[in-house]
Amino acid sequence: MRNVIVAEIMTREPITIKKETNLLECARQMIKKKVGSLLIVDEKRLVGFISKRDILWALVKKSKKDLSSIKAIDISPKKVVTIKPSATIKEALNKMKKMKVDKLPVIQEKELVGMLTFKDILSFNPEYYPELEEFAQIREETQKLKRVEDSKLKKSTEGICSECGNFGILVRFNGMNICPSCAESM
């Protein structure tokens, strides 16, 4: 597998959208094409990446706006992890692990030429399954830790802070009701 390169197994025609495409149209394209993400391009240059998770985030966080008024480029991450078609599959797997991603847009001379996914790698060589399973477990544990930390700060009430004695909005933190500024300092 060390000699197999990305160009040999990548998806050569990934699903792309233009940067002015709105989130409603992105969702329609994902459903129609049965994909979980779209690459945002501007004249063959990759300018962003949007996933179904990004659309759900926008739906929850920006519910005041209609999905048809939010452009894909507005919620796309500023930096997108990419790989060259000449890289080996081993290099791609290492990059996926390090950056905690399961898809890599393939870029050659600043132009999008394809997309490499775990599914592409598994279809080509199922022997990588144990390594990918380890990656999924690491990702799951990271998400669990984040959920635990978030839950410590989410529950809020109004009252007197157990730490500083000020009256205001309180959060439950380590079994105490404290103000957000005291929670941050702990």
C-alpha atoms as a PDB file:
ATOM      1  CA  MET A   1       0.000   0.000   0.000  1.00  0.00           C
ATOM      2  CA  ARG A   2       2.969   2.338   0.427  1.00  0.00           C
ATOM      3  CA  ASN A   3       3.330   2.523  -3.372  1.00  0.00           C
ATOM      4  CA  VAL A   4      -0.344   3.171  -4.152  1.00  0.00           C
ATOM      5  CA  ILE A   5      -0.985   6.862  -4.718  1.00  0.00           C
ATOM      6  CA  VAL A   6      -4.061   8.972  -4.081  1.00  0.00           C
ATOM      7  CA  ALA A   7      -4.695   9.581  -7.793  1.00  0.00           C
ATOM      8  CA  GLU A   8      -5.238   5.855  -8.359  1.00  0.00           C
ATOM      9  CA  ILE A   9      -8.203   5.463  -5.993  1.00  0.00           C
ATOM     10  CA  MET A  10      -9.681   8.963  -5.503  1.00  0.00           C
ATOM     11  CA  THR A  11     -13.128   9.947  -6.727  1.00  0.00           C
ATOM     12  CA  ARG A  12     -12.356  11.900  -9.882  1.00  0.00           C
ATOM     13  CA  GLU A  13     -15.563  13.896 -10.148  1.00  0.00           C
ATOM     14  CA  PRO A  14     -16.616  14.952  -6.643  1.00  0.00           C
ATOM     15  CA  ILE A  15     -19.870  16.825  -6.143  1.00  0.00           C
ATOM     16  CA  THR A  16     -19.173  20.561  -6.209  1.00  0.00           C
ATOM     17  CA  ILE A  17     -21.147  23.754  -5.752  1.00  0.00           C
ATOM     18  CA  LYS A  18     -20.484  27.438  -6.349  1.00  0.00           C
ATOM     19  CA  LYS A  19     -19.689  29.747  -3.430  1.00  0.00           C
ATOM     20  CA  GLU A  20     -22.967  31.658  -3.807  1.00  0.00           C
ATOM     21  CA  THR A  21     -25.071  28.476  -3.448  1.00  0.00           C
ATOM     22  CA  ASN A  22     -27.440  28.755  -0.477  1.00  0.00           C
ATOM     23  CA  LEU A  23     -27.761  26.150   2.270  1.00  0.00           C
ATOM     24  CA  LEU A  24     -31.196  25.013   1.166  1.00  0.00           C
ATOM     25  CA  GLU A  25     -29.811  24.131  -2.272  1.00  0.00           C
ATOM     26  CA  CYS A  26     -26.788  22.459  -0.607  1.00  0.00           C
ATOM     27  CA  ALA A  27     -29.123  20.250   1.425  1.00  0.00           C
ATOM     28  CA  ARG A  28     -31.087  19.375  -1.724  1.00  0.00           C
ATOM     29  CA  GLN A  29     -27.878  18.455  -3.574  1.00  0.00           C
ATOM     30  CA  MET A  30     -26.665  16.272  -0.686  1.00  0.00           C
ATOM     31  CA  ILE A  31     -29.957  14.370  -0.636  1.00  0.00           C
ATOM     32  CA  LYS A  32     -30.153  14.082  -4.429  1.00  0.00           C
ATOM     33  CA  LYS A  33     -26.542  12.917  -4.839  1.00  0.00           C
ATOM     34  CA  LYS A  34     -26.565  10.860  -1.593  1.00  0.00           C
ATOM     35  CA  VAL A  35     -23.427  12.505  -0.185  1.00  0.00           C
ATOM     36  CA  GLY A  36     -22.571  13.972   3.208  1.00  0.00           C
ATOM     37  CA  SER A  37     -20.513  16.908   1.989  1.00  0.00           C
ATOM     38  CA  LEU A  38     -19.956  19.265  -0.916  1.00  0.00           C
ATOM     39  CA  LEU A  39     -16.852  21.028  -2.169  1.00  0.00           C
ATOM     40  CA  ILE A  40     -17.177  24.744  -2.854  1.00  0.00           C
ATOM     41  CA  VAL A  41     -15.305  25.773  -5.997  1.00  0.00           C
ATOM     42  CA  ASP A  42     -14.670  28.968  -7.896  1.00  0.00           C
ATOM     43  CA  GLU A  43     -13.412  28.219 -11.418  1.00  0.00           C
ATOM     44  CA  LYS A  44     -11.896  24.836 -10.467  1.00  0.00           C
ATOM     45  CA  ARG A  45     -10.218  26.274  -7.348  1.00  0.00           C
ATOM     46  CA  LEU A  46     -11.304  24.873  -4.014  1.00  0.00           C
ATOM     47  CA  VAL A  47     -12.548  27.709  -1.795  1.00  0.00           C
ATOM     48  CA  GLY A  48     -14.453  25.786   0.864  1.00  0.00           C
ATOM     49  CA  PHE A  49     -16.111  22.627   2.097  1.00  0.00           C
ATOM     50  CA  ILE A  50     -19.557  22.145   3.597  1.00  0.00           C
ATOM     51  CA  SER A  51     -20.964  19.076   5.328  1.00  0.00           C
ATOM     52  CA  LYS A  52     -24.394  18.033   6.550  1.00  0.00           C
ATOM     53  CA  ARG A  53     -23.137  18.834  10.065  1.00  0.00           C
ATOM     54  CA  ASP A  54     -22.498  22.450   8.969  1.00  0.00           C
ATOM     55  CA  ILE A  55     -26.051  22.732   7.637  1.00  0.00           C
ATOM     56  CA  LEU A  56     -27.501  21.327  10.863  1.00  0.00           C
ATOM     57  CA  TRP A  57     -25.382  23.785  12.852  1.00  0.00           C
ATOM     58  CA  ALA A  58     -26.715  26.682  10.762  1.00  0.00           C
ATOM     59  CA  LEU A  59     -30.284  25.430  11.164  1.00  0.00           C
ATOM     60  CA  VAL A  60     -29.944  25.408  14.958  1.00  0.00           C
ATOM     61  CA  LYS A  61     -27.726  28.453  15.505  1.00  0.00           C
ATOM     62  CA  LYS A  62     -29.103  30.737  12.823  1.00  0.00           C
ATOM     63  CA  SER A  63     -32.737  29.670  12.887  1.00  0.00           C
ATOM     64  CA  LYS A  64     -33.811  33.320  12.630  1.00  0.00           C
ATOM     65  CA  LYS A  65     -32.662  33.282   9.015  1.00  0.00           C
ATOM     66  CA  ASP A  66     -34.052  31.139   6.256  1.00  0.00           C
ATOM     67  CA  LEU A  67     -31.605  28.532   4.918  1.00  0.00           C
ATOM     68  CA  SER A  68     -32.109  29.979   1.457  1.00  0.00           C
ATOM     69  CA  SER A  69     -30.567  33.289   2.568  1.00  0.00           C
ATOM     70  CA  ILE A  70     -27.322  31.819   3.972  1.00  0.00           C
ATOM     71  CA  LYS A  71     -24.566  31.091   1.455  1.00  0.00           C
ATOM     72  CA  ALA A  72     -22.442  27.953   1.739  1.00  0.00           C
ATOM     73  CA  ILE A  73     -19.205  29.949   1.722  1.00  0.00           C
ATOM     74  CA  ASP A  74     -20.408  31.906   4.791  1.00  0.00           C
ATOM     75  CA  ILE A  75     -20.297  28.852   7.059  1.00  0.00           C
ATOM     76  CA  SER A  76     -17.491  26.932   5.379  1.00  0.00           C
ATOM     77  CA  PRO A  77     -14.345  26.445   7.473  1.00  0.00           C
ATOM     78  CA  LYS A  78     -11.658  28.962   6.511  1.00  0.00           C
ATOM     79  CA  LYS A  79      -8.996  26.277   6.113  1.00  0.00           C
ATOM     80  CA  VAL A  80      -9.661  23.003   4.341  1.00  0.00           C
ATOM     81  CA  VAL A  81      -7.250  20.085   4.712  1.00  0.00           C
ATOM     82  CA  THR A  82      -6.176  18.849   1.267  1.00  0.00           C
ATOM     83  CA  ILE A  83      -3.759  16.393  -0.300  1.00  0.00           C
ATOM     84  CA  LYS A  84      -1.865  16.083  -3.587  1.00  0.00           C
ATOM     85  CA  PRO A  85      -2.698  13.302  -6.060  1.00  0.00           C
ATOM     86  CA  SER A  86       0.928  12.112  -5.929  1.00  0.00           C
ATOM     87  CA  ALA A  87       0.782  11.405  -2.164  1.00  0.00           C
ATOM     88  CA  THR A  88       0.661   7.790  -1.040  1.00  0.00           C
ATOM     89  CA  ILE A  89      -2.375   6.261   0.634  1.00  0.00           C
ATOM     90  CA  LYS A  90      -0.293   5.832   3.796  1.00  0.00           C
ATOM     91  CA  GLU A  91       0.427   9.595   3.803  1.00  0.00           C
ATOM     92  CA  ALA A  92      -3.273  10.279   3.248  1.00  0.00           C
ATOM     93  CA  LEU A  93      -4.274   8.032   6.159  1.00  0.00           C
ATOM     94  CA  ASN A  94      -1.720   9.701   8.421  1.00  0.00           C
ATOM     95  CA  LYS A  95      -3.044  13.137   7.439  1.00  0.00           C
ATOM     96  CA  MET A  96      -6.640  12.017   8.045  1.00  0.00           C
ATOM     97  CA  LYS A  97      -5.717  10.737  11.500  1.00  0.00           C
ATOM     98  CA  LYS A  98      -3.703  13.808  12.436  1.00  0.00           C
ATOM     99  CA  MET A  99      -6.335  16.295  11.245  1.00  0.00           C
ATOM    100  CA  LYS A 100      -9.311  14.141  12.358  1.00  0.00           C
ATOM    101  CA  VAL A 101     -11.057  14.206   8.981  1.00  0.00           C
ATOM    102  CA  ASP A 102     -12.505  11.419   6.874  1.00  0.00           C
ATOM    103  CA  LYS A 103     -12.372  13.166   3.499  1.00  0.00           C
ATOM    104  CA  LEU A 104      -9.545  14.943   1.712  1.00  0.00           C
ATOM    105  CA  PRO A 105     -10.043  17.135  -1.349  1.00  0.00           C
ATOM    106  CA  VAL A 106      -7.281  16.388  -3.861  1.00  0.00           C
ATOM    107  CA  ILE A 107      -5.541  19.481  -5.218  1.00  0.00           C
ATOM    108  CA  GLN A 108      -3.027  19.732  -8.059  1.00  0.00           C
ATOM    109  CA  GLU A 109      -1.587  23.081  -9.121  1.00  0.00           C
ATOM    110  CA  LYS A 110      -4.228  24.913  -7.050  1.00  0.00           C
ATOM    111  CA  GLU A 111      -7.103  23.149  -8.860  1.00  0.00           C
ATOM    112  CA  LEU A 112      -9.514  20.550  -7.490  1.00  0.00           C
ATOM    113  CA  VAL A 113      -8.952  17.211  -9.243  1.00  0.00           C
ATOM    114  CA  GLY A 114     -10.774  14.807  -6.927  1.00  0.00           C
ATOM    115  CA  MET A 115     -11.760  13.675  -3.444  1.00  0.00           C
ATOM    116  CA  LEU A 116     -10.326  10.888  -1.315  1.00  0.00           C
ATOM    117  CA  THR A 117     -12.535   9.329   1.372  1.00  0.00           C
ATOM    118  CA  PHE A 118     -12.205   6.463   3.836  1.00  0.00           C
ATOM    119  CA  LYS A 119     -14.733   4.626   1.690  1.00  0.00           C
ATOM    120  CA  ASP A 120     -12.411   4.933  -1.329  1.00  0.00           C
ATOM    121  CA  ILE A 121      -9.533   3.497   0.702  1.00  0.00           C
ATOM    122  CA  LEU A 122     -11.620   0.664   2.158  1.00  0.00           C
ATOM    123  CA  SER A 123     -13.040  -0.235  -1.239  1.00  0.00           C
ATOM    124  CA  PHE A 124      -9.527  -0.496  -2.612  1.00  0.00           C
ATOM    125  CA  ASN A 125      -7.947  -2.262   0.372  1.00  0.00           C
ATOM    126  CA  PRO A 126     -10.190  -3.561   3.191  1.00  0.00           C
ATOM    127  CA  GLU A 127      -7.076  -4.474   5.232  1.00  0.00           C
ATOM    128  CA  TYR A 128      -7.023  -0.875   6.500  1.00  0.00           C
ATOM    129  CA  TYR A 129     -10.247  -1.419   8.441  1.00  0.00           C
ATOM    130  CA  PRO A 130      -8.534  -1.923  11.863  1.00  0.00           C
ATOM    131  CA  GLU A 131      -6.600   1.318  11.430  1.00  0.00           C
ATOM    132  CA  LEU A 132      -9.764   3.197  10.461  1.00  0.00           C
ATOM    133  CA  GLU A 133     -11.629   1.686  13.411  1.00  0.00           C
ATOM    134  CA  GLU A 134      -8.943   3.060  15.734  1.00  0.00           C
ATOM    135  CA  PHE A 135      -9.398   6.492  14.155  1.00  0.00           C
ATOM    136  CA  ALA A 136     -13.178   6.305  14.687  1.00  0.00           C
ATOM    137  CA  GLN A 137     -12.677   5.402  18.371  1.00  0.00           C
ATOM    138  CA  ILE A 138     -10.317   8.349  18.895  1.00  0.00           C
ATOM    139  CA  ARG A 139     -12.845  10.650  17.251  1.00  0.00           C
ATOM    140  CA  GLU A 140     -15.684   9.263  19.409  1.00  0.00           C
ATOM    141  CA  GLU A 141     -13.682   9.727  22.628  1.00  0.00           C
ATOM    142  CA  THR A 142     -12.846  13.317  21.645  1.00  0.00           C
ATOM    143  CA  GLN A 143     -16.536  14.026  21.070  1.00  0.00           C
ATOM    144  CA  LYS A 144     -17.469  12.445  24.420  1.00  0.00           C
ATOM    145  CA  LEU A 145     -14.965  14.623  26.284  1.00  0.00           C
ATOM    146  CA  LYS A 146     -16.326  17.731  24.581  1.00  0.00           C
ATOM    147  CA  ARG A 147     -19.925  16.777  25.470  1.00  0.00           C
ATOM    148  CA  VAL A 148     -18.989  16.228  29.123  1.00  0.00           C
ATOM    149  CA  GLU A 149     -17.208  19.587  29.288  1.00  0.00           C
ATOM    150  CA  ASP A 150     -20.082  21.379  27.536  1.00  0.00           C
ATOM    151  CA  SER A 151     -22.660  19.839  29.889  1.00  0.00           C
ATOM    152  CA  LYS A 152     -20.786  21.234  32.894  1.00  0.00           C
ATOM    153  CA  LEU A 153     -21.398  24.767  31.649  1.00  0.00           C
ATOM    154  CA  LYS A 154     -24.858  24.454  30.043  1.00  0.00           C
ATOM    155  CA  LYS A 155     -27.373  24.375  32.897  1.00  0.00           C
ATOM    156  CA  SER A 156     -28.088  27.945  34.005  1.00  0.00           C
ATOM    157  CA  THR A 157     -30.314  29.615  36.591  1.00  0.00           C
ATOM    158  CA  GLU A 158     -30.492  33.008  38.284  1.00  0.00           C
ATOM    159  CA  GLY A 159     -29.223  33.587  41.816  1.00  0.00           C
ATOM    160  CA  ILE A 160     -26.172  34.332  43.966  1.00  0.00           C
ATOM    161  CA  CYS A 161     -22.782  32.952  42.877  1.00  0.00           C
ATOM    162  CA  SER A 162     -21.328  30.465  45.383  1.00  0.00           C
ATOM    163  CA  GLU A 163     -17.817  31.760  44.636  1.00  0.00           C
ATOM    164  CA  CYS A 164     -17.967  35.576  44.385  1.00  0.00           C
ATOM    165  CA  GLY A 165     -21.391  36.305  45.924  1.00  0.00           C
ATOM    166  CA  ASN A 166     -22.653  38.389  42.963  1.00  0.00           C
ATOM    167  CA  PHE A 167     -26.270  38.087  41.786  1.00  0.00           C
ATOM    168  CA  GLY A 168     -26.884  37.071  38.145  1.00  0.00           C
ATOM    169  CA  ILE A 169     -27.109  34.185  35.711  1.00  0.00           C
ATOM    170  CA  LEU A 170     -25.507  31.066  37.191  1.00  0.00           C
ATOM    171  CA  VAL A 171     -24.238  27.857  35.685  1.00  0.00           C
ATOM    172  CA  ARG A 172     -23.891  24.483  37.366  1.00  0.00           C
ATOM    173  CA  PHE A 173     -20.176  23.723  37.599  1.00  0.00           C
ATOM    174  CA  ASN A 174     -18.659  20.907  39.676  1.00  0.00           C
ATOM    175  CA  GLY A 175     -21.761  20.729  41.825  1.00  0.00           C
ATOM    176  CA  MET A 176     -21.917  24.493  42.541  1.00  0.00           C
ATOM    177  CA  ASN A 177     -24.009  27.325  41.102  1.00  0.00           C
ATOM    178  CA  ILE A 178     -21.512  29.963  39.982  1.00  0.00           C
ATOM    179  CA  CYS A 179     -21.393  32.878  37.548  1.00  0.00           C
ATOM    180  CA  PRO A 180     -19.833  32.347  34.112  1.00  0.00           C
ATOM    181  CA  SER A 181     -16.767  34.454  34.956  1.00  0.00           C
ATOM    182  CA  CYS A 182     -16.012  32.320  38.031  1.00  0.00           C
ATOM    183  CA  ALA A 183     -16.567  29.164  35.945  1.00  0.00           C
ATOM    184  CA  GLU A 184     -14.013  30.379  33.399  1.00  0.00           C
ATOM    185  CA  SER A 185     -11.435  31.064  36.098  1.00  0.00           C
ATOM    186  CA  MET A 186     -11.711  27.507  37.493  1.00  0.00           C
END
